[in-house]
């Protein structure tokens, strides 16, 4: 099946990204807060693939697909939360996070102030639609910051639920996804179905 990305127009993207409303159940903390956390994690199979999913204080704090290998997924997770207490333990919420159309789940996002501002914008992108990095830069009032935006999108710790896969290039391309282009294409096709 051929997949053609469906990008919002610049005006549609501006309207969608204008809200900046943080959905209920989402907590934003500085990355330094990770050292005080007790985190449960597990490799989980779901409707959208296999991923390493982690939970802290009842909220999803990591969702990393294993498309580029389980060893890489584990290494990335353990590096990100190097200062936290990690326990391998499966929790029911982890399976919910990998549903094709997941319910609203509590999220705990840890990042720099700039990363958190970008991730807030990602939560505004409508399901099944794509925006460009430049759209996110304009929405933040930093029209020349598309590359920095790309770095923040790529460092999103809760892929799929904070939909970094809904961002593409100005030329209409969808390459450069941290979990691989195949994963990004699969997720976009799943949302389009």
N, C-alpha and C. Protein backbone atom coordinates (compact mmCIF):
# COMPACT_ATOMS: atom_id res chain seq x y z
N UNK A 1 0.84 -1.18 0.00
CA UNK A 1 0.00 0.00 0.00
C UNK A 1 0.89 1.25 0.00
N UNK A 2 0.61 2.16 -0.91
CA UNK A 2 1.37 3.40 -0.99
C UNK A 2 0.79 4.40 0.00
N UNK A 3 1.67 5.11 0.65
CA UNK A 3 1.24 6.11 1.63
C UNK A 3 1.70 7.48 1.18
N UNK A 4 0.76 8.41 1.13
CA UNK A 4 1.08 9.79 0.80
C UNK A 4 0.78 10.64 2.04
N UNK A 5 1.78 11.32 2.58
CA UNK A 5 1.56 12.15 3.76
C UNK A 5 0.53 13.25 3.49
N UNK A 6 -0.32 13.52 4.47
CA UNK A 6 -1.35 14.55 4.37
C UNK A 6 -0.97 15.71 5.28
N UNK A 7 -0.24 16.68 4.72
CA UNK A 7 0.19 17.83 5.50
C UNK A 7 -0.91 18.88 5.59
N UNK A 8 -1.04 19.50 6.75
CA UNK A 8 -1.92 20.65 6.89
C UNK A 8 -1.30 21.82 6.13
N UNK A 9 -2.14 22.71 5.62
CA UNK A 9 -1.62 23.93 5.00
C UNK A 9 -1.01 24.79 6.11
N UNK A 10 -0.27 25.80 5.72
CA UNK A 10 0.33 26.69 6.72
C UNK A 10 -0.74 27.33 7.60
N UNK A 11 -1.86 27.74 6.99
CA UNK A 11 -2.95 28.37 7.76
C UNK A 11 -3.61 27.36 8.69
N UNK A 12 -3.85 26.14 8.20
CA UNK A 12 -4.45 25.09 9.05
C UNK A 12 -3.52 24.74 10.22
N UNK A 13 -2.23 24.65 9.94
CA UNK A 13 -1.26 24.33 10.99
C UNK A 13 -1.24 25.44 12.04
N UNK A 14 -1.25 26.69 11.58
CA UNK A 14 -1.24 27.82 12.52
C UNK A 14 -2.45 27.76 13.44
N UNK A 15 -3.61 27.43 12.86
CA UNK A 15 -4.83 27.34 13.66
C UNK A 15 -4.75 26.18 14.66
N UNK A 16 -4.30 25.03 14.21
CA UNK A 16 -4.21 23.85 15.08
C UNK A 16 -3.21 24.06 16.22
N UNK A 17 -2.12 24.75 15.92
CA UNK A 17 -1.04 24.92 16.90
C UNK A 17 -1.23 26.14 17.80
N UNK A 18 -2.26 26.92 17.54
CA UNK A 18 -2.50 28.15 18.29
C UNK A 18 -2.92 27.86 19.73
N UNK A 19 -3.60 26.77 19.98
CA UNK A 19 -4.22 26.51 21.28
C UNK A 19 -3.22 26.49 22.43
N UNK A 20 -2.11 25.79 22.29
CA UNK A 20 -1.12 25.64 23.37
C UNK A 20 -1.76 25.15 24.67
N UNK A 21 -2.90 24.50 24.59
CA UNK A 21 -3.58 24.01 25.78
C UNK A 21 -3.00 22.65 26.16
N UNK A 22 -2.60 22.52 27.38
CA UNK A 22 -2.06 21.25 27.85
C UNK A 22 -3.23 20.36 28.25
N UNK A 23 -3.39 19.21 27.59
CA UNK A 23 -4.49 18.31 27.96
C UNK A 23 -4.38 17.88 29.41
N UNK A 24 -5.51 17.54 30.03
CA UNK A 24 -5.46 17.09 31.42
C UNK A 24 -4.65 15.80 31.55
N UNK A 25 -4.04 15.63 32.71
CA UNK A 25 -3.29 14.41 32.98
C UNK A 25 -1.85 14.44 32.51
N UNK A 26 -1.40 15.59 32.01
CA UNK A 26 -0.03 15.68 31.53
C UNK A 26 0.77 16.57 32.48
N UNK A 27 1.87 16.03 32.96
CA UNK A 27 2.74 16.76 33.88
C UNK A 27 4.07 17.05 33.18
N UNK A 28 4.52 18.28 33.26
CA UNK A 28 5.79 18.71 32.68
C UNK A 28 6.76 19.01 33.81
N UNK A 29 7.95 18.40 33.74
CA UNK A 29 8.96 18.62 34.77
C UNK A 29 10.32 18.83 34.11
N UNK A 30 11.21 19.54 34.81
CA UNK A 30 12.58 19.67 34.29
C UNK A 30 13.27 18.31 34.27
N UNK A 31 14.15 18.14 33.34
CA UNK A 31 14.85 16.86 33.18
C UNK A 31 15.57 16.45 34.46
N UNK A 32 16.02 17.41 35.24
CA UNK A 32 16.74 17.11 36.48
C UNK A 32 15.87 16.36 37.49
N UNK A 33 14.55 16.43 37.36
CA UNK A 33 13.66 15.74 38.29
C UNK A 33 13.76 14.22 38.15
N UNK A 34 14.37 13.72 37.09
CA UNK A 34 14.47 12.27 36.86
C UNK A 34 15.23 11.56 37.97
N UNK A 35 16.16 12.24 38.61
CA UNK A 35 16.99 11.56 39.62
C UNK A 35 16.19 11.12 40.84
N UNK A 36 15.02 11.68 41.03
CA UNK A 36 14.20 11.34 42.20
C UNK A 36 13.09 10.34 41.89
N UNK A 37 13.07 9.79 40.68
CA UNK A 37 11.95 8.98 40.24
C UNK A 37 12.20 7.48 40.38
N UNK A 38 11.13 6.74 40.69
CA UNK A 38 11.12 5.28 40.65
C UNK A 38 10.28 4.91 39.43
N UNK A 39 10.89 4.20 38.48
CA UNK A 39 10.26 3.94 37.19
C UNK A 39 10.17 2.44 36.94
N UNK A 40 8.97 1.99 36.53
CA UNK A 40 8.77 0.61 36.09
C UNK A 40 8.80 0.61 34.57
N UNK A 41 9.42 -0.42 33.99
CA UNK A 41 9.50 -0.48 32.53
C UNK A 41 9.34 -1.92 32.04
N UNK A 42 8.94 -2.04 30.76
CA UNK A 42 8.80 -3.35 30.17
C UNK A 42 8.80 -3.24 28.65
N UNK A 43 9.19 -4.31 27.98
CA UNK A 43 9.03 -4.40 26.54
C UNK A 43 7.63 -4.92 26.30
N UNK A 44 6.87 -4.21 25.46
CA UNK A 44 5.45 -4.50 25.29
C UNK A 44 5.11 -4.60 23.81
N UNK A 45 4.28 -5.59 23.47
CA UNK A 45 3.75 -5.70 22.11
C UNK A 45 2.37 -5.07 22.09
N UNK A 46 2.12 -4.25 21.08
CA UNK A 46 0.83 -3.59 20.98
C UNK A 46 0.36 -3.51 19.55
N UNK A 47 -0.78 -2.88 19.36
CA UNK A 47 -1.39 -2.76 18.04
C UNK A 47 -0.53 -1.95 17.08
N UNK A 48 0.34 -1.11 17.60
CA UNK A 48 1.17 -0.29 16.72
C UNK A 48 2.64 -0.74 16.71
N UNK A 49 2.90 -1.91 17.26
CA UNK A 49 4.26 -2.45 17.24
C UNK A 49 4.77 -2.78 18.63
N UNK A 50 6.05 -3.05 18.71
CA UNK A 50 6.70 -3.38 19.98
C UNK A 50 7.47 -2.16 20.45
N UNK A 51 7.44 -1.93 21.77
CA UNK A 51 8.12 -0.76 22.31
C UNK A 51 8.52 -1.01 23.75
N UNK A 52 9.50 -0.25 24.19
CA UNK A 52 9.84 -0.19 25.60
C UNK A 52 8.98 0.92 26.18
N UNK A 53 8.16 0.56 27.16
CA UNK A 53 7.24 1.52 27.78
C UNK A 53 7.59 1.61 29.26
N UNK A 54 7.61 2.83 29.78
CA UNK A 54 7.93 3.04 31.20
C UNK A 54 6.88 3.91 31.86
N UNK A 55 6.69 3.64 33.15
CA UNK A 55 5.67 4.33 33.94
C UNK A 55 6.29 4.82 35.24
N UNK A 56 5.93 6.04 35.59
CA UNK A 56 6.36 6.64 36.85
C UNK A 56 5.17 7.34 37.49
N UNK A 57 4.90 7.04 38.74
CA UNK A 57 3.80 7.67 39.46
C UNK A 57 2.48 7.55 38.69
N UNK A 58 2.27 6.41 38.05
CA UNK A 58 1.02 6.15 37.34
C UNK A 58 0.92 6.79 35.97
N UNK A 59 1.98 7.42 35.49
CA UNK A 59 1.97 8.11 34.20
C UNK A 59 3.03 7.54 33.27
N UNK A 60 2.73 7.49 31.99
CA UNK A 60 3.71 7.05 31.00
C UNK A 60 4.81 8.12 30.93
N UNK A 61 6.06 7.70 31.07
CA UNK A 61 7.17 8.65 30.99
C UNK A 61 8.14 8.30 29.86
N UNK A 62 7.93 7.15 29.22
CA UNK A 62 8.79 6.74 28.10
C UNK A 62 8.01 5.78 27.23
N UNK A 63 8.11 5.98 25.93
CA UNK A 63 7.58 5.03 24.96
C UNK A 63 8.53 5.07 23.78
N UNK A 64 9.37 4.06 23.68
CA UNK A 64 10.38 4.01 22.63
C UNK A 64 10.22 2.75 21.80
N UNK A 65 9.84 2.88 20.53
CA UNK A 65 9.70 1.72 19.65
C UNK A 65 11.01 0.94 19.53
N UNK A 66 10.89 -0.35 19.28
CA UNK A 66 12.07 -1.21 19.15
C UNK A 66 12.43 -1.48 17.69
N UNK A 67 11.90 -0.70 16.77
CA UNK A 67 12.15 -0.92 15.34
C UNK A 67 13.63 -0.96 15.00
N UNK A 68 14.46 -0.22 15.71
CA UNK A 68 15.90 -0.20 15.45
C UNK A 68 16.65 -1.15 16.38
N UNK A 69 15.92 -2.03 17.06
CA UNK A 69 16.52 -3.03 17.93
C UNK A 69 16.20 -2.83 19.40
N UNK A 70 15.96 -3.93 20.10
CA UNK A 70 15.65 -3.86 21.52
C UNK A 70 16.83 -3.36 22.34
N UNK A 71 18.04 -3.74 21.93
CA UNK A 71 19.22 -3.29 22.67
C UNK A 71 19.33 -1.77 22.62
N UNK A 72 19.07 -1.18 21.44
CA UNK A 72 19.12 0.28 21.31
C UNK A 72 18.02 0.92 22.14
N UNK A 73 16.82 0.35 22.10
CA UNK A 73 15.70 0.90 22.88
C UNK A 73 16.03 0.91 24.37
N UNK A 74 16.60 -0.18 24.86
CA UNK A 74 16.97 -0.26 26.28
C UNK A 74 18.08 0.74 26.61
N UNK A 75 19.08 0.80 25.75
CA UNK A 75 20.20 1.72 25.98
C UNK A 75 19.72 3.18 26.02
N UNK A 76 18.88 3.57 25.06
CA UNK A 76 18.36 4.94 25.03
C UNK A 76 17.57 5.27 26.29
N UNK A 77 16.72 4.34 26.70
CA UNK A 77 15.91 4.53 27.91
C UNK A 77 16.79 4.66 29.15
N UNK A 78 17.71 3.74 29.31
CA UNK A 78 18.55 3.75 30.51
C UNK A 78 19.50 4.95 30.54
N UNK A 79 19.88 5.45 29.39
CA UNK A 79 20.69 6.67 29.34
C UNK A 79 19.85 7.87 29.76
N UNK A 80 18.63 7.96 29.23
CA UNK A 80 17.75 9.10 29.52
C UNK A 80 17.42 9.16 31.02
N UNK A 81 17.21 8.00 31.62
CA UNK A 81 16.84 7.94 33.04
C UNK A 81 17.97 7.37 33.90
N UNK A 82 19.20 7.74 33.58
CA UNK A 82 20.37 7.21 34.29
C UNK A 82 20.34 7.50 35.79
N UNK A 83 19.70 8.57 36.20
CA UNK A 83 19.67 8.95 37.62
C UNK A 83 18.45 8.42 38.36
N UNK A 84 17.54 7.75 37.65
CA UNK A 84 16.32 7.24 38.26
C UNK A 84 16.52 5.81 38.75
N UNK A 85 15.60 5.35 39.58
CA UNK A 85 15.57 3.96 40.04
C UNK A 85 14.69 3.18 39.07
N UNK A 86 15.25 2.21 38.34
CA UNK A 86 14.55 1.49 37.29
C UNK A 86 14.27 0.05 37.70
N UNK A 87 13.00 -0.39 37.49
CA UNK A 87 12.60 -1.75 37.79
C UNK A 87 11.84 -2.32 36.61
N UNK A 88 12.28 -3.50 36.14
CA UNK A 88 11.55 -4.14 35.04
C UNK A 88 10.28 -4.77 35.61
N UNK A 89 9.14 -4.24 35.18
CA UNK A 89 7.84 -4.69 35.69
C UNK A 89 6.76 -4.24 34.72
N UNK A 90 5.93 -5.17 34.25
CA UNK A 90 4.85 -4.82 33.34
C UNK A 90 3.64 -4.33 34.12
N UNK A 91 3.07 -3.21 33.68
CA UNK A 91 1.86 -2.65 34.27
C UNK A 91 0.80 -2.53 33.17
N UNK A 92 -0.49 -2.71 33.50
CA UNK A 92 -1.55 -2.68 32.49
C UNK A 92 -1.58 -1.41 31.63
N UNK A 93 -1.25 -0.27 32.19
CA UNK A 93 -1.28 0.98 31.44
C UNK A 93 -0.32 0.93 30.24
N UNK A 94 0.71 0.11 30.35
CA UNK A 94 1.69 0.02 29.27
C UNK A 94 1.06 -0.52 27.99
N UNK A 95 0.19 -1.51 28.11
CA UNK A 95 -0.50 -2.07 26.95
C UNK A 95 -1.46 -1.05 26.36
N UNK A 96 -2.11 -0.28 27.21
CA UNK A 96 -3.04 0.76 26.74
C UNK A 96 -2.31 1.79 25.87
N UNK A 97 -1.06 2.07 26.22
CA UNK A 97 -0.29 3.08 25.49
C UNK A 97 0.00 2.67 24.05
N UNK A 98 -0.05 1.36 23.76
CA UNK A 98 0.29 0.88 22.43
C UNK A 98 -0.94 0.51 21.60
N UNK A 99 -2.10 0.96 22.01
CA UNK A 99 -3.30 0.73 21.21
C UNK A 99 -3.24 1.61 19.95
N UNK A 100 -3.91 1.15 18.89
CA UNK A 100 -3.95 1.91 17.64
C UNK A 100 -4.59 3.29 17.87
N UNK A 101 -5.58 3.33 18.73
CA UNK A 101 -6.23 4.60 19.09
C UNK A 101 -6.27 4.65 20.61
N UNK A 102 -5.15 5.01 21.24
CA UNK A 102 -5.06 4.92 22.69
C UNK A 102 -5.99 5.90 23.40
N UNK A 103 -6.47 5.50 24.57
CA UNK A 103 -7.27 6.44 25.37
C UNK A 103 -6.36 7.55 25.90
N UNK A 104 -6.96 8.59 26.41
CA UNK A 104 -6.17 9.65 27.06
C UNK A 104 -5.51 9.03 28.29
N UNK A 105 -4.21 9.09 28.32
CA UNK A 105 -3.45 8.49 29.42
C UNK A 105 -2.63 9.57 30.12
N UNK A 106 -2.39 9.41 31.41
CA UNK A 106 -1.51 10.37 32.09
C UNK A 106 -0.09 10.24 31.56
N UNK A 107 0.54 11.38 31.35
CA UNK A 107 1.91 11.43 30.86
C UNK A 107 2.76 12.27 31.80
N UNK A 108 4.00 11.87 31.95
CA UNK A 108 4.98 12.64 32.70
C UNK A 108 6.13 12.92 31.74
N UNK A 109 6.30 14.18 31.35
CA UNK A 109 7.32 14.57 30.39
C UNK A 109 8.42 15.34 31.10
N UNK A 110 9.65 14.89 30.92
CA UNK A 110 10.81 15.54 31.53
C UNK A 110 11.71 16.06 30.43
N UNK A 111 11.98 17.36 30.45
CA UNK A 111 12.84 17.95 29.43
C UNK A 111 13.26 19.35 29.79
N UNK A 112 13.98 19.97 28.86
CA UNK A 112 14.36 21.37 29.04
C UNK A 112 13.12 22.23 28.78
N UNK A 113 13.13 23.48 29.21
CA UNK A 113 11.98 24.34 28.92
C UNK A 113 11.65 24.41 27.42
N UNK A 114 12.69 24.47 26.57
CA UNK A 114 12.44 24.53 25.13
C UNK A 114 11.81 23.23 24.64
N UNK A 115 12.35 22.09 25.05
CA UNK A 115 11.78 20.80 24.64
C UNK A 115 10.32 20.70 25.07
N UNK A 116 10.05 21.07 26.30
CA UNK A 116 8.67 20.98 26.80
C UNK A 116 7.73 21.87 25.98
N UNK A 117 8.20 23.04 25.56
CA UNK A 117 7.35 23.92 24.75
C UNK A 117 7.06 23.29 23.39
N UNK A 118 8.04 22.61 22.83
CA UNK A 118 7.83 21.92 21.54
C UNK A 118 6.88 20.74 21.72
N UNK A 119 7.07 19.96 22.76
CA UNK A 119 6.22 18.78 22.98
C UNK A 119 4.77 19.18 23.23
N UNK A 120 4.57 20.32 23.89
CA UNK A 120 3.20 20.84 24.07
C UNK A 120 2.55 21.06 22.71
N UNK A 121 3.32 21.60 21.76
CA UNK A 121 2.78 21.83 20.41
C UNK A 121 2.45 20.51 19.72
N UNK A 122 3.29 19.50 19.89
CA UNK A 122 3.03 18.22 19.25
C UNK A 122 1.67 17.66 19.66
N UNK A 123 1.29 17.89 20.90
CA UNK A 123 0.01 17.40 21.41
C UNK A 123 -1.18 18.07 20.72
N UNK A 124 -0.96 19.18 20.01
CA UNK A 124 -2.04 19.91 19.33
C UNK A 124 -2.26 19.43 17.90
N UNK A 125 -1.35 18.64 17.36
CA UNK A 125 -1.46 18.22 15.96
C UNK A 125 -2.58 17.19 15.83
N UNK A 126 -3.55 17.44 14.97
CA UNK A 126 -4.67 16.50 14.83
C UNK A 126 -4.22 15.11 14.36
N UNK A 127 -4.84 14.10 14.90
CA UNK A 127 -4.57 12.70 14.53
C UNK A 127 -4.73 12.55 13.01
N UNK A 128 -3.77 11.87 12.40
CA UNK A 128 -3.83 11.60 10.97
C UNK A 128 -3.36 12.76 10.10
N UNK A 129 -2.89 13.84 10.70
CA UNK A 129 -2.41 15.01 9.95
C UNK A 129 -0.93 15.22 10.24
N UNK A 130 -0.30 15.97 9.38
CA UNK A 130 1.11 16.30 9.57
C UNK A 130 1.31 17.80 9.47
N UNK A 131 2.27 18.30 10.21
CA UNK A 131 2.73 19.68 10.09
C UNK A 131 4.22 19.64 9.78
N UNK A 132 4.74 20.77 9.39
CA UNK A 132 6.17 20.87 9.08
C UNK A 132 6.92 21.45 10.28
N UNK A 133 8.21 21.16 10.34
CA UNK A 133 9.03 21.74 11.41
C UNK A 133 8.90 23.26 11.40
N UNK A 134 8.83 23.85 10.22
CA UNK A 134 8.69 25.30 10.10
C UNK A 134 7.39 25.79 10.72
N UNK A 135 6.32 25.00 10.63
CA UNK A 135 5.04 25.37 11.27
C UNK A 135 5.20 25.45 12.78
N UNK A 136 5.91 24.49 13.34
CA UNK A 136 6.15 24.50 14.79
C UNK A 136 7.00 25.71 15.18
N UNK A 137 8.01 26.01 14.36
CA UNK A 137 8.88 27.16 14.65
C UNK A 137 8.07 28.46 14.65
N UNK A 138 7.20 28.62 13.66
CA UNK A 138 6.36 29.83 13.61
C UNK A 138 5.42 29.89 14.82
N UNK A 139 4.85 28.75 15.20
CA UNK A 139 3.92 28.73 16.33
C UNK A 139 4.61 29.11 17.64
N UNK A 140 5.89 28.83 17.74
CA UNK A 140 6.65 29.21 18.94
C UNK A 140 7.19 30.63 18.86
N UNK A 141 6.96 31.30 17.71
CA UNK A 141 7.48 32.65 17.53
C UNK A 141 8.97 32.66 17.26
N UNK A 142 9.50 31.54 16.76
CA UNK A 142 10.93 31.41 16.45
C UNK A 142 11.07 30.86 15.03
N UNK A 143 10.69 31.67 14.02
CA UNK A 143 10.63 31.16 12.65
C UNK A 143 11.94 30.63 12.09
N UNK A 144 13.07 30.99 12.67
CA UNK A 144 14.36 30.50 12.18
C UNK A 144 14.88 29.30 12.98
N UNK A 145 14.06 28.76 13.84
CA UNK A 145 14.51 27.70 14.75
C UNK A 145 14.08 26.30 14.32
N UNK A 146 13.82 26.09 13.04
CA UNK A 146 13.33 24.78 12.59
C UNK A 146 14.28 23.65 12.97
N UNK A 147 15.59 23.87 12.88
CA UNK A 147 16.55 22.82 13.23
C UNK A 147 16.49 22.51 14.73
N UNK A 148 16.43 23.53 15.56
CA UNK A 148 16.31 23.31 17.01
C UNK A 148 15.00 22.60 17.33
N UNK A 149 13.95 22.98 16.61
CA UNK A 149 12.65 22.31 16.78
C UNK A 149 12.82 20.83 16.44
N UNK A 150 13.49 20.54 15.33
CA UNK A 150 13.72 19.15 14.92
C UNK A 150 14.46 18.36 15.99
N UNK A 151 15.44 18.96 16.62
CA UNK A 151 16.17 18.28 17.70
C UNK A 151 15.26 18.00 18.89
N UNK A 152 14.40 18.96 19.23
CA UNK A 152 13.46 18.75 20.34
C UNK A 152 12.44 17.67 20.00
N UNK A 153 11.94 17.68 18.77
CA UNK A 153 10.99 16.65 18.34
C UNK A 153 11.66 15.29 18.43
N UNK A 154 12.90 15.20 17.96
CA UNK A 154 13.63 13.93 17.96
C UNK A 154 13.98 13.42 19.35
N UNK A 155 13.95 14.28 20.34
CA UNK A 155 14.28 13.85 21.71
C UNK A 155 13.04 13.59 22.55
N UNK A 156 11.87 13.59 21.94
CA UNK A 156 10.62 13.30 22.63
C UNK A 156 10.67 11.91 23.27
N UNK A 157 10.50 11.81 24.58
CA UNK A 157 10.62 10.51 25.24
C UNK A 157 9.35 9.65 25.18
N UNK A 158 8.26 10.21 24.72
CA UNK A 158 7.00 9.46 24.71
C UNK A 158 6.43 9.46 23.29
N UNK A 159 7.19 8.86 22.38
CA UNK A 159 6.75 8.76 20.99
C UNK A 159 5.37 8.09 20.95
N UNK A 160 4.63 8.37 19.92
CA UNK A 160 3.27 7.89 19.67
C UNK A 160 2.26 8.68 20.50
N UNK A 161 2.40 8.76 21.81
CA UNK A 161 1.43 9.50 22.62
C UNK A 161 1.66 11.00 22.56
N UNK A 162 2.89 11.41 22.43
CA UNK A 162 3.24 12.80 22.10
C UNK A 162 3.70 12.69 20.64
N UNK A 163 2.79 12.97 19.71
CA UNK A 163 2.94 12.51 18.32
C UNK A 163 4.00 13.20 17.47
N UNK A 164 5.24 12.87 17.77
CA UNK A 164 6.35 13.41 16.98
C UNK A 164 6.35 12.86 15.55
N UNK A 165 5.67 11.75 15.32
CA UNK A 165 5.59 11.18 13.98
C UNK A 165 4.72 12.03 13.05
N UNK A 166 4.01 13.01 13.59
CA UNK A 166 3.15 13.88 12.78
C UNK A 166 3.86 15.12 12.28
N UNK A 167 5.19 15.10 12.28
CA UNK A 167 5.98 16.25 11.81
C UNK A 167 6.84 15.81 10.65
N UNK A 168 6.89 16.65 9.62
CA UNK A 168 7.69 16.34 8.44
C UNK A 168 8.43 17.57 7.95
N UNK A 169 9.07 17.40 6.82
CA UNK A 169 9.91 18.45 6.24
C UNK A 169 9.12 19.37 5.32
N UNK A 170 9.68 20.54 5.07
CA UNK A 170 9.03 21.52 4.19
C UNK A 170 8.83 20.99 2.78
N UNK A 171 9.68 20.05 2.37
CA UNK A 171 9.55 19.47 1.03
C UNK A 171 8.53 18.34 0.98
N UNK A 172 7.85 18.07 2.10
CA UNK A 172 6.85 17.01 2.14
C UNK A 172 7.40 15.66 2.55
N UNK A 173 8.70 15.58 2.82
CA UNK A 173 9.32 14.32 3.21
C UNK A 173 9.05 14.00 4.67
N UNK A 174 9.17 12.71 5.01
CA UNK A 174 8.93 12.27 6.39
C UNK A 174 10.15 11.56 6.98
N UNK A 175 11.31 11.72 6.37
CA UNK A 175 12.51 11.05 6.86
C UNK A 175 13.02 11.70 8.14
N UNK A 176 13.99 11.03 8.77
CA UNK A 176 14.63 11.60 9.95
C UNK A 176 13.97 11.23 11.26
N UNK A 177 13.06 10.27 11.26
CA UNK A 177 12.38 9.86 12.49
C UNK A 177 13.34 9.05 13.35
N UNK A 178 13.42 9.37 14.63
CA UNK A 178 14.39 8.74 15.53
C UNK A 178 14.24 7.21 15.60
N UNK A 179 13.03 6.71 15.39
CA UNK A 179 12.80 5.26 15.44
C UNK A 179 12.77 4.63 14.06
N UNK A 180 13.15 5.40 13.05
CA UNK A 180 13.21 4.88 11.69
C UNK A 180 12.00 5.26 10.86
N UNK A 181 12.24 5.41 9.59
CA UNK A 181 11.17 5.83 8.68
C UNK A 181 10.07 4.78 8.57
N UNK A 182 10.43 3.49 8.65
CA UNK A 182 9.40 2.44 8.58
C UNK A 182 8.41 2.56 9.73
N UNK A 183 8.91 2.84 10.92
CA UNK A 183 8.04 3.02 12.09
C UNK A 183 7.12 4.22 11.88
N UNK A 184 7.70 5.33 11.43
CA UNK A 184 6.91 6.54 11.21
C UNK A 184 5.82 6.29 10.17
N UNK A 185 6.16 5.67 9.08
CA UNK A 185 5.19 5.38 8.02
C UNK A 185 4.09 4.45 8.56
N UNK A 186 4.47 3.43 9.33
CA UNK A 186 3.48 2.50 9.91
C UNK A 186 2.50 3.25 10.81
N UNK A 187 3.03 4.12 11.66
CA UNK A 187 2.16 4.86 12.57
C UNK A 187 1.24 5.81 11.82
N UNK A 188 1.76 6.49 10.80
CA UNK A 188 0.91 7.40 10.03
C UNK A 188 -0.16 6.64 9.27
N UNK A 189 0.17 5.47 8.75
CA UNK A 189 -0.83 4.65 8.06
C UNK A 189 -1.88 4.15 9.03
N UNK A 190 -1.46 3.79 10.24
CA UNK A 190 -2.39 3.32 11.26
C UNK A 190 -3.38 4.43 11.62
N UNK A 191 -2.89 5.66 11.73
CA UNK A 191 -3.79 6.78 12.04
C UNK A 191 -4.70 7.13 10.88
N UNK A 192 -4.23 6.90 9.65
CA UNK A 192 -5.03 7.25 8.47
C UNK A 192 -6.13 6.23 8.21
N UNK A 193 -5.98 5.03 8.78
CA UNK A 193 -6.96 3.94 8.51
C UNK A 193 -8.30 4.22 9.17
